[in-house]
Amino acid sequence: MNIYVGNLSYAVTESDLRSIFSEFGEVTSVNIIKDKFSGQPKGFGFVEMPNNSEADKAVKALNGSKLKNQSIKVNQAKPPAKRQQRRPRY
């Protein structure tokens, strides 16, 4: 299951997220989204857990919890929306 983690402090690292989620089971990947120009974190990321029941427990336990003095939002990630193709300008 792909899990969205929002409202992250800019001080949170991928190893911090891996650490708290691994308490609930196996974590296959962690990705904190960063601005492509500045390289600064955008305040959200994604955690991938292969076992859905472990992932559900993590979501329920960690949603609203504090991480580095900030209350985080945790829920199942929604699949990316399809982008509309742009029409060429003439």
PDB file of N, CA and C in Angstrom:
ATOM      1  N   MET A   1       0.851  -1.175   0.000  1.00  0.00           N
ATOM      2  CA  MET A   1       0.000   0.000   0.000  1.00  0.00           C
ATOM      3  C   MET A   1       0.897   1.238   0.000  1.00  0.00           C
ATOM      4  N   ASN A   2       0.519   2.205  -0.788  1.00  0.00           N
ATOM      5  CA  ASN A   2       1.220   3.472  -0.837  1.00  0.00           C
ATOM      6  C   ASN A   2       0.539   4.425   0.148  1.00  0.00           C
ATOM      7  N   ILE A   3       1.318   5.020   1.038  1.00  0.00           N
ATOM      8  CA  ILE A   3       0.781   5.848   2.111  1.00  0.00           C
ATOM      9  C   ILE A   3       1.276   7.280   1.956  1.00  0.00           C
ATOM     10  N   TYR A   4       0.336   8.229   2.001  1.00  0.00           N
ATOM     11  CA  TYR A   4       0.662   9.647   1.956  1.00  0.00           C
ATOM     12  C   TYR A   4       0.933  10.127   3.377  1.00  0.00           C
ATOM     13  N   VAL A   5       2.005  10.893   3.556  1.00  0.00           N
ATOM     14  CA  VAL A   5       2.333  11.481   4.858  1.00  0.00           C
ATOM     15  C   VAL A   5       2.491  12.977   4.628  1.00  0.00           C
ATOM     16  N   GLY A   6       1.599  13.765   5.219  1.00  0.00           N
ATOM     17  CA  GLY A   6       1.612  15.211   5.001  1.00  0.00           C
ATOM     18  C   GLY A   6       1.869  15.996   6.269  1.00  0.00           C
ATOM     19  N   ASN A   7       2.010  17.306   6.083  1.00  0.00           N
ATOM     20  CA  ASN A   7       2.282  18.255   7.157  1.00  0.00           C
ATOM     21  C   ASN A   7       3.591  17.921   7.872  1.00  0.00           C
ATOM     22  N   LEU A   8       4.580  17.494   7.097  1.00  0.00           N
ATOM     23  CA  LEU A   8       5.876  17.142   7.669  1.00  0.00           C
ATOM     24  C   LEU A   8       6.708  18.387   7.947  1.00  0.00           C
ATOM     25  N   SER A   9       7.413  18.353   9.050  1.00  0.00           N
ATOM     26  CA  SER A   9       8.407  19.380   9.337  1.00  0.00           C
ATOM     27  C   SER A   9       9.511  19.258   8.299  1.00  0.00           C
ATOM     28  N   TYR A  10      10.124  20.380   7.950  1.00  0.00           N
ATOM     29  CA  TYR A  10      11.214  20.337   6.969  1.00  0.00           C
ATOM     30  C   TYR A  10      12.442  19.619   7.520  1.00  0.00           C
ATOM     31  N   ALA A  11      12.470  19.397   8.841  1.00  0.00           N
ATOM     32  CA  ALA A  11      13.599  18.711   9.469  1.00  0.00           C
ATOM     33  C   ALA A  11      13.477  17.188   9.399  1.00  0.00           C
ATOM     34  N   VAL A  12      12.310  16.665   9.004  1.00  0.00           N
ATOM     35  CA  VAL A  12      12.092  15.218   8.939  1.00  0.00           C
ATOM     36  C   VAL A  12      12.870  14.634   7.761  1.00  0.00           C
ATOM     37  N   THR A  13      13.547  13.518   8.012  1.00  0.00           N
ATOM     38  CA  THR A  13      14.307  12.838   6.965  1.00  0.00           C
ATOM     39  C   THR A  13      13.597  11.552   6.562  1.00  0.00           C
ATOM     40  N   GLU A  14      14.045  10.965   5.457  1.00  0.00           N
ATOM     41  CA  GLU A  14      13.477   9.690   5.015  1.00  0.00           C
ATOM     42  C   GLU A  14      13.755   8.593   6.031  1.00  0.00           C
ATOM     43  N   SER A  15      14.900   8.650   6.697  1.00  0.00           N
ATOM     44  CA  SER A  15      15.193   7.634   7.719  1.00  0.00           C
ATOM     45  C   SER A  15      14.281   7.798   8.931  1.00  0.00           C
ATOM     46  N   ASP A  16      13.859   9.031   9.252  1.00  0.00           N
ATOM     47  CA  ASP A  16      12.881   9.243  10.335  1.00  0.00           C
ATOM     48  C   ASP A  16      11.566   8.552   9.999  1.00  0.00           C
ATOM     49  N   LEU A  17      11.094   8.751   8.776  1.00  0.00           N
ATOM     50  CA  LEU A  17       9.833   8.120   8.361  1.00  0.00           C
ATOM     51  C   LEU A  17       9.956   6.605   8.338  1.00  0.00           C
ATOM     52  N   ARG A  18      11.051   6.110   7.798  1.00  0.00           N
ATOM     53  CA  ARG A  18      11.262   4.655   7.751  1.00  0.00           C
ATOM     54  C   ARG A  18      11.241   4.081   9.162  1.00  0.00           C
ATOM     55  N   SER A  19      11.843   4.775  10.086  1.00  0.00           N
ATOM     56  CA  SER A  19      11.926   4.309  11.470  1.00  0.00           C
ATOM     57  C   SER A  19      10.542   4.187  12.121  1.00  0.00           C
ATOM     58  N   ILE A  20       9.719   5.233  11.995  1.00  0.00           N
ATOM     59  CA  ILE A  20       8.409   5.163  12.671  1.00  0.00           C
ATOM     60  C   ILE A  20       7.458   4.188  11.989  1.00  0.00           C
ATOM     61  N   PHE A  21       7.535   4.061  10.652  1.00  0.00           N
ATOM     62  CA  PHE A  21       6.641   3.131   9.956  1.00  0.00           C
ATOM     63  C   PHE A  21       7.091   1.683  10.115  1.00  0.00           C
ATOM     64  N   SER A  22       8.377   1.454  10.260  1.00  0.00           N
ATOM     65  CA  SER A  22       8.865   0.081  10.391  1.00  0.00           C
ATOM     66  C   SER A  22       8.456  -0.548  11.721  1.00  0.00           C
ATOM     67  N   GLU A  23       7.997   0.240  12.664  1.00  0.00           N
ATOM     68  CA  GLU A  23       7.457  -0.305  13.913  1.00  0.00           C
ATOM     69  C   GLU A  23       6.189  -1.120  13.655  1.00  0.00           C
ATOM     70  N   PHE A  24       5.537  -0.892  12.506  1.00  0.00           N
ATOM     71  CA  PHE A  24       4.287  -1.578  12.179  1.00  0.00           C
ATOM     72  C   PHE A  24       4.472  -2.691  11.160  1.00  0.00           C
ATOM     73  N   GLY A  25       5.651  -2.787  10.550  1.00  0.00           N
ATOM     74  CA  GLY A  25       5.901  -3.828   9.571  1.00  0.00           C
ATOM     75  C   GLY A  25       6.962  -3.412   8.569  1.00  0.00           C
ATOM     76  N   GLU A  26       7.066  -4.196   7.498  1.00  0.00           N
ATOM     77  CA  GLU A  26       8.085  -3.965   6.478  1.00  0.00           C
ATOM     78  C   GLU A  26       7.791  -2.704   5.662  1.00  0.00           C
ATOM     79  N   VAL A  27       8.817  -1.918   5.441  1.00  0.00           N
ATOM     80  CA  VAL A  27       8.732  -0.714   4.607  1.00  0.00           C
ATOM     81  C   VAL A  27       9.623  -0.935   3.389  1.00  0.00           C
ATOM     82  N   THR A  28       9.032  -0.852   2.192  1.00  0.00           N
ATOM     83  CA  THR A  28       9.829  -1.086   0.989  1.00  0.00           C
ATOM     84  C   THR A  28      10.451   0.185   0.430  1.00  0.00           C
ATOM     85  N   SER A  29       9.782   1.326   0.613  1.00  0.00           N
ATOM     86  CA  SER A  29      10.378   2.579   0.136  1.00  0.00           C
ATOM     87  C   SER A  29       9.812   3.772   0.890  1.00  0.00           C
ATOM     88  N   VAL A  30      10.632   4.826   0.938  1.00  0.00           N
ATOM     89  CA  VAL A  30      10.240   6.094   1.553  1.00  0.00           C
ATOM     90  C   VAL A  30      10.719   7.193   0.621  1.00  0.00           C
ATOM     91  N   ASN A  31       9.848   8.166   0.358  1.00  0.00           N
ATOM     92  CA  ASN A  31      10.211   9.251  -0.551  1.00  0.00           C
ATOM     93  C   ASN A  31       9.625  10.555  -0.036  1.00  0.00           C
ATOM     94  N   ILE A  32      10.483  11.484   0.377  1.00  0.00           N
ATOM     95  CA  ILE A  32      10.035  12.828   0.741  1.00  0.00           C
ATOM     96  C   ILE A  32      10.155  13.681  -0.512  1.00  0.00           C
ATOM     97  N   ILE A  33       9.067  14.340  -0.881  1.00  0.00           N
ATOM     98  CA  ILE A  33       9.028  15.130  -2.104  1.00  0.00           C
ATOM     99  C   ILE A  33       9.759  16.453  -1.880  1.00  0.00           C
ATOM    100  N   LYS A  34      10.629  16.786  -2.845  1.00  0.00           N
ATOM    101  CA  LYS A  34      11.428  18.007  -2.747  1.00  0.00           C
ATOM    102  C   LYS A  34      11.185  18.891  -3.958  1.00  0.00           C
ATOM    103  N   ASP A  35      11.348  20.189  -3.754  1.00  0.00           N
ATOM    104  CA  ASP A  35      11.238  21.157  -4.828  1.00  0.00           C
ATOM    105  C   ASP A  35      12.353  20.916  -5.842  1.00  0.00           C
ATOM    106  N   LYS A  36      12.017  20.856  -7.113  1.00  0.00           N
ATOM    107  CA  LYS A  36      13.028  20.497  -8.108  1.00  0.00           C
ATOM    108  C   LYS A  36      14.058  21.596  -8.339  1.00  0.00           C
ATOM    109  N   PHE A  37      13.753  22.831  -7.963  1.00  0.00           N
ATOM    110  CA  PHE A  37      14.702  23.916  -8.169  1.00  0.00           C
ATOM    111  C   PHE A  37      15.580  24.163  -6.938  1.00  0.00           C
ATOM    112  N   SER A  38      14.945  24.228  -5.769  1.00  0.00           N
ATOM    113  CA  SER A  38      15.710  24.548  -4.556  1.00  0.00           C
ATOM    114  C   SER A  38      16.224  23.310  -3.830  1.00  0.00           C
ATOM    115  N   GLY A  39      15.568  22.160  -4.053  1.00  0.00           N
ATOM    116  CA  GLY A  39      15.948  20.944  -3.343  1.00  0.00           C
ATOM    117  C   GLY A  39      15.402  20.868  -1.928  1.00  0.00           C
ATOM    118  N   GLN A  40      14.626  21.867  -1.520  1.00  0.00           N
ATOM    119  CA  GLN A  40      14.035  21.892  -0.191  1.00  0.00           C
ATOM    120  C   GLN A  40      12.811  20.980  -0.147  1.00  0.00           C
ATOM    121  N   PRO A  41      12.574  20.316   1.005  1.00  0.00           N
ATOM    122  CA  PRO A  41      11.377  19.466   1.124  1.00  0.00           C
ATOM    123  C   PRO A  41      10.100  20.291   0.986  1.00  0.00           C
ATOM    124  N   LYS A  42       9.068  19.672   0.423  1.00  0.00           N
ATOM    125  CA  LYS A  42       7.787  20.349   0.239  1.00  0.00           C
ATOM    126  C   LYS A  42       6.827  20.118   1.404  1.00  0.00           C
ATOM    127  N   GLY A  43       7.217  19.278   2.362  1.00  0.00           N
ATOM    128  CA  GLY A  43       6.360  19.065   3.524  1.00  0.00           C
ATOM    129  C   GLY A  43       5.466  17.843   3.435  1.00  0.00           C
ATOM    130  N   PHE A  44       5.702  16.985   2.434  1.00  0.00           N
ATOM    131  CA  PHE A  44       4.937  15.742   2.360  1.00  0.00           C
ATOM    132  C   PHE A  44       5.788  14.675   1.689  1.00  0.00           C
ATOM    133  N   GLY A  45       5.334  13.433   1.832  1.00  0.00           N
ATOM    134  CA  GLY A  45       6.070  12.326   1.235  1.00  0.00           C
ATOM    135  C   GLY A  45       5.205  11.082   1.150  1.00  0.00           C
ATOM    136  N   PHE A  46       5.832   9.985   0.745  1.00  0.00           N
ATOM    137  CA  PHE A  46       5.122   8.722   0.566  1.00  0.00           C
ATOM    138  C   PHE A  46       5.940   7.584   1.156  1.00  0.00           C
ATOM    139  N   VAL A  47       5.215   6.631   1.759  1.00  0.00           N
ATOM    140  CA  VAL A  47       5.824   5.431   2.320  1.00  0.00           C
ATOM    141  C   VAL A  47       5.118   4.239   1.691  1.00  0.00           C
ATOM    142  N   GLU A  48       5.883   3.278   1.213  1.00  0.00           N
ATOM    143  CA  GLU A  48       5.322   2.070   0.597  1.00  0.00           C
ATOM    144  C   GLU A  48       5.496   0.902   1.550  1.00  0.00           C
ATOM    145  N   MET A  49       4.374   0.240   1.881  1.00  0.00           N
ATOM    146  CA  MET A  49       4.393  -0.957   2.733  1.00  0.00           C
ATOM    147  C   MET A  49       3.682  -2.074   1.976  1.00  0.00           C
ATOM    148  N   PRO A  50       4.329  -3.249   1.813  1.00  0.00           N
ATOM    149  CA  PRO A  50       3.736  -4.315   1.004  1.00  0.00           C
ATOM    150  C   PRO A  50       2.546  -5.020   1.660  1.00  0.00           C
ATOM    151  N   ASN A  51       2.506  -5.075   2.979  1.00  0.00           N
ATOM    152  CA  ASN A  51       1.435  -5.777   3.694  1.00  0.00           C
ATOM    153  C   ASN A  51       0.329  -4.773   4.047  1.00  0.00           C
ATOM    154  N   ASN A  52      -0.861  -4.961   3.449  1.00  0.00           N
ATOM    155  CA  ASN A  52      -1.954  -4.002   3.647  1.00  0.00           C
ATOM    156  C   ASN A  52      -2.441  -3.922   5.083  1.00  0.00           C
ATOM    157  N   SER A  53      -2.478  -5.033   5.804  1.00  0.00           N
ATOM    158  CA  SER A  53      -2.966  -4.971   7.190  1.00  0.00           C
ATOM    159  C   SER A  53      -1.979  -4.212   8.069  1.00  0.00           C
ATOM    160  N   GLU A  54      -0.672  -4.403   7.841  1.00  0.00           N
ATOM    161  CA  GLU A  54       0.330  -3.637   8.586  1.00  0.00           C
ATOM    162  C   GLU A  54       0.241  -2.159   8.226  1.00  0.00           C
ATOM    163  N   ALA A  55       0.024  -1.872   6.962  1.00  0.00           N
ATOM    164  CA  ALA A  55      -0.092  -0.483   6.506  1.00  0.00           C
ATOM    165  C   ALA A  55      -1.316   0.189   7.125  1.00  0.00           C
ATOM    166  N   ASP A  56      -2.451  -0.532   7.187  1.00  0.00           N
ATOM    167  CA  ASP A  56      -3.658   0.023   7.806  1.00  0.00           C
ATOM    168  C   ASP A  56      -3.423   0.358   9.268  1.00  0.00           C
ATOM    169  N   LYS A  57      -2.731  -0.525   9.978  1.00  0.00           N
ATOM    170  CA  LYS A  57      -2.423  -0.262  11.391  1.00  0.00           C
ATOM    171  C   LYS A  57      -1.549   0.976  11.531  1.00  0.00           C
ATOM    172  N   ALA A  58      -0.575   1.118  10.650  1.00  0.00           N
ATOM    173  CA  ALA A  58       0.319   2.288  10.689  1.00  0.00           C
ATOM    174  C   ALA A  58      -0.461   3.572  10.429  1.00  0.00           C
ATOM    175  N   VAL A  59      -1.347   3.554   9.447  1.00  0.00           N
ATOM    176  CA  VAL A  59      -2.143   4.741   9.109  1.00  0.00           C
ATOM    177  C   VAL A  59      -3.001   5.145  10.303  1.00  0.00           C
ATOM    178  N   LYS A  60      -3.700   4.177  10.891  1.00  0.00           N
ATOM    179  CA  LYS A  60      -4.586   4.484  12.023  1.00  0.00           C
ATOM    180  C   LYS A  60      -3.803   4.983  13.225  1.00  0.00           C
ATOM    181  N   ALA A  61      -2.644   4.398  13.486  1.00  0.00           N
ATOM    182  CA  ALA A  61      -1.862   4.773  14.668  1.00  0.00           C
ATOM    183  C   ALA A  61      -1.138   6.102  14.492  1.00  0.00           C
ATOM    184  N   LEU A  62      -0.674   6.388  13.287  1.00  0.00           N
ATOM    185  CA  LEU A  62       0.180   7.562  13.093  1.00  0.00           C
ATOM    186  C   LEU A  62      -0.554   8.815  12.640  1.00  0.00           C
ATOM    187  N   ASN A  63      -1.759   8.689  12.108  1.00  0.00           N
ATOM    188  CA  ASN A  63      -2.500   9.870  11.679  1.00  0.00           C
ATOM    189  C   ASN A  63      -2.793  10.766  12.880  1.00  0.00           C
ATOM    190  N   GLY A  64      -2.349  12.016  12.800  1.00  0.00           N
ATOM    191  CA  GLY A  64      -2.554  12.967  13.889  1.00  0.00           C
ATOM    192  C   GLY A  64      -1.469  12.926  14.956  1.00  0.00           C
ATOM    193  N   SER A  65      -0.516  12.001  14.833  1.00  0.00           N
ATOM    194  CA  SER A  65       0.557  11.917  15.831  1.00  0.00           C
ATOM    195  C   SER A  65       1.581  13.023  15.592  1.00  0.00           C
ATOM    196  N   LYS A  66       2.443  13.234  16.566  1.00  0.00           N
ATOM    197  CA  LYS A  66       3.476  14.276  16.474  1.00  0.00           C
ATOM    198  C   LYS A  66       4.786  13.670  15.978  1.00  0.00           C
ATOM    199  N   LEU A  67       5.417  14.370  15.045  1.00  0.00           N
ATOM    200  CA  LEU A  67       6.743  13.999  14.558  1.00  0.00           C
ATOM    201  C   LEU A  67       7.543  15.287  14.456  1.00  0.00           C
ATOM    202  N   LYS A  68       8.594  15.385  15.249  1.00  0.00           N
ATOM    203  CA  LYS A  68       9.422  16.605  15.320  1.00  0.00           C
ATOM    204  C   LYS A  68       8.545  17.828  15.604  1.00  0.00           C
ATOM    205  N   ASN A  69       7.699  17.692  16.634  1.00  0.00           N
ATOM    206  CA  ASN A  69       6.827  18.773  17.134  1.00  0.00           C
ATOM    207  C   ASN A  69       5.787  19.258  16.128  1.00  0.00           C
ATOM    208  N   GLN A  70       5.418  18.415  15.186  1.00  0.00           N
ATOM    209  CA  GLN A  70       4.396  18.787  14.227  1.00  0.00           C
ATOM    210  C   GLN A  70       3.425  17.623  14.044  1.00  0.00           C
ATOM    211  N   SER A  71       2.137  17.923  14.088  1.00  0.00           N
ATOM    212  CA  SER A  71       1.115  16.905  13.914  1.00  0.00           C
ATOM    213  C   SER A  71       1.058  16.507  12.442  1.00  0.00           C
ATOM    214  N   ILE A  72       1.236  15.206  12.154  1.00  0.00           N
ATOM    215  CA  ILE A  72       1.291  14.752  10.762  1.00  0.00           C
ATOM    216  C   ILE A  72      -0.043  14.162  10.313  1.00  0.00           C
ATOM    217  N   LYS A  73      -0.275  14.213   9.021  1.00  0.00           N
ATOM    218  CA  LYS A  73      -1.480  13.644   8.413  1.00  0.00           C
ATOM    219  C   LYS A  73      -1.058  12.404   7.645  1.00  0.00           C
ATOM    220  N   VAL A  74      -1.689  11.274   7.940  1.00  0.00           N
ATOM    221  CA  VAL A  74      -1.320  10.005   7.308  1.00  0.00           C
ATOM    222  C   VAL A  74      -2.583   9.339   6.767  1.00  0.00           C
ATOM    223  N   ASN A  75      -2.574   8.993   5.479  1.00  0.00           N
ATOM    224  CA  ASN A  75      -3.682   8.239   4.902  1.00  0.00           C
ATOM    225  C   ASN A  75      -3.225   7.504   3.652  1.00  0.00           C
ATOM    226  N   GLN A  76      -4.081   6.640   3.156  1.00  0.00           N
ATOM    227  CA  GLN A  76      -3.743   5.884   1.950  1.00  0.00           C
ATOM    228  C   GLN A  76      -3.651   6.860   0.785  1.00  0.00           C
ATOM    229  N   ALA A  77      -2.580   6.748   0.010  1.00  0.00           N
ATOM    230  CA  ALA A  77      -2.381   7.642  -1.132  1.00  0.00           C
ATOM    231  C   ALA A  77      -3.381   7.322  -2.229  1.00  0.00           C
ATOM    232  N   LYS A  78      -3.871   8.369  -2.862  1.00  0.00           N
ATOM    233  CA  LYS A  78      -4.778   8.200  -3.989  1.00  0.00           C
ATOM    234  C   LYS A  78      -3.943   8.065  -5.254  1.00  0.00           C
ATOM    235  N   PRO A  79      -4.410   7.288  -6.215  1.00  0.00           N
ATOM    236  CA  PRO A  79      -3.644   7.183  -7.468  1.00  0.00           C
ATOM    237  C   PRO A  79      -3.590   8.543  -8.151  1.00  0.00           C
ATOM    238  N   PRO A  80      -2.515   8.826  -8.865  1.00  0.00           N
ATOM    239  CA  PRO A  80      -2.407  10.133  -9.526  1.00  0.00           C
ATOM    240  C   PRO A  80      -3.511  10.327 -10.554  1.00  0.00           C
ATOM    241  N   ALA A  81      -4.042  11.537 -10.607  1.00  0.00           N
ATOM    242  CA  ALA A  81      -5.098  11.848 -11.564  1.00  0.00           C
ATOM    243  C   ALA A  81      -4.508  11.936 -12.958  1.00  0.00           C
ATOM    244  N   LYS A  82      -5.308  11.544 -13.921  1.00  0.00           N
ATOM    245  CA  LYS A  82      -4.852  11.646 -15.307  1.00  0.00           C
ATOM    246  C   LYS A  82      -4.849  13.113 -15.709  1.00  0.00           C
ATOM    247  N   ARG A  83      -3.768  13.505 -16.354  1.00  0.00           N
ATOM    248  CA  ARG A  83      -3.663  14.883 -16.806  1.00  0.00           C
ATOM    249  C   ARG A  83      -4.302  15.018 -18.180  1.00  0.00           C
ATOM    250  N   GLN A  84      -4.975  16.140 -18.364  1.00  0.00           N
ATOM    251  CA  GLN A  84      -5.557  16.411 -19.659  1.00  0.00           C
ATOM    252  C   GLN A  84      -4.454  16.811 -20.622  1.00  0.00           C
ATOM    253  N   GLN A  85      -4.561  16.324 -21.828  1.00  0.00           N
ATOM    254  CA  GLN A  85      -3.571  16.720 -22.825  1.00  0.00           C
ATOM    255  C   GLN A  85      -3.878  18.147 -23.282  1.00  0.00           C
ATOM    256  N   ARG A  86      -2.827  18.904 -23.417  1.00  0.00           N
ATOM    257  CA  ARG A  86      -3.008  20.289 -23.857  1.00  0.00           C
ATOM    258  C   ARG A  86      -3.100  20.340 -25.377  1.00  0.00           C
ATOM    259  N   ARG A  87      -3.941  21.209 -25.808  1.00  0.00           N
ATOM    260  CA  ARG A  87      -4.063  21.412 -27.247  1.00  0.00           C
ATOM    261  C   ARG A  87      -2.961  22.372 -27.687  1.00  0.00           C
ATOM    262  N   PRO A  88      -2.394  22.112 -28.829  1.00  0.00           N
ATOM    263  CA  PRO A  88      -1.341  23.017 -29.310  1.00  0.00           C
ATOM    264  C   PRO A  88      -1.923  24.393 -29.648  1.00  0.00           C
ATOM    265  N   ARG A  89      -1.146  25.420 -29.348  1.00  0.00           N
ATOM    266  CA  ARG A  89      -1.565  26.776 -29.707  1.00  0.00           C
ATOM    267  C   ARG A  89      -1.045  27.098 -31.091  1.00  0.00           C
ATOM    268  N   TYR A  90      -1.871  27.761 -31.862  1.00  0.00           N
ATOM    269  CA  TYR A  90      -1.490  28.136 -33.228  1.00  0.00           C
ATOM    270  C   TYR A  90      -1.342  29.607 -33.340  1.00  0.00           C
TER     271      TYR A  90
END
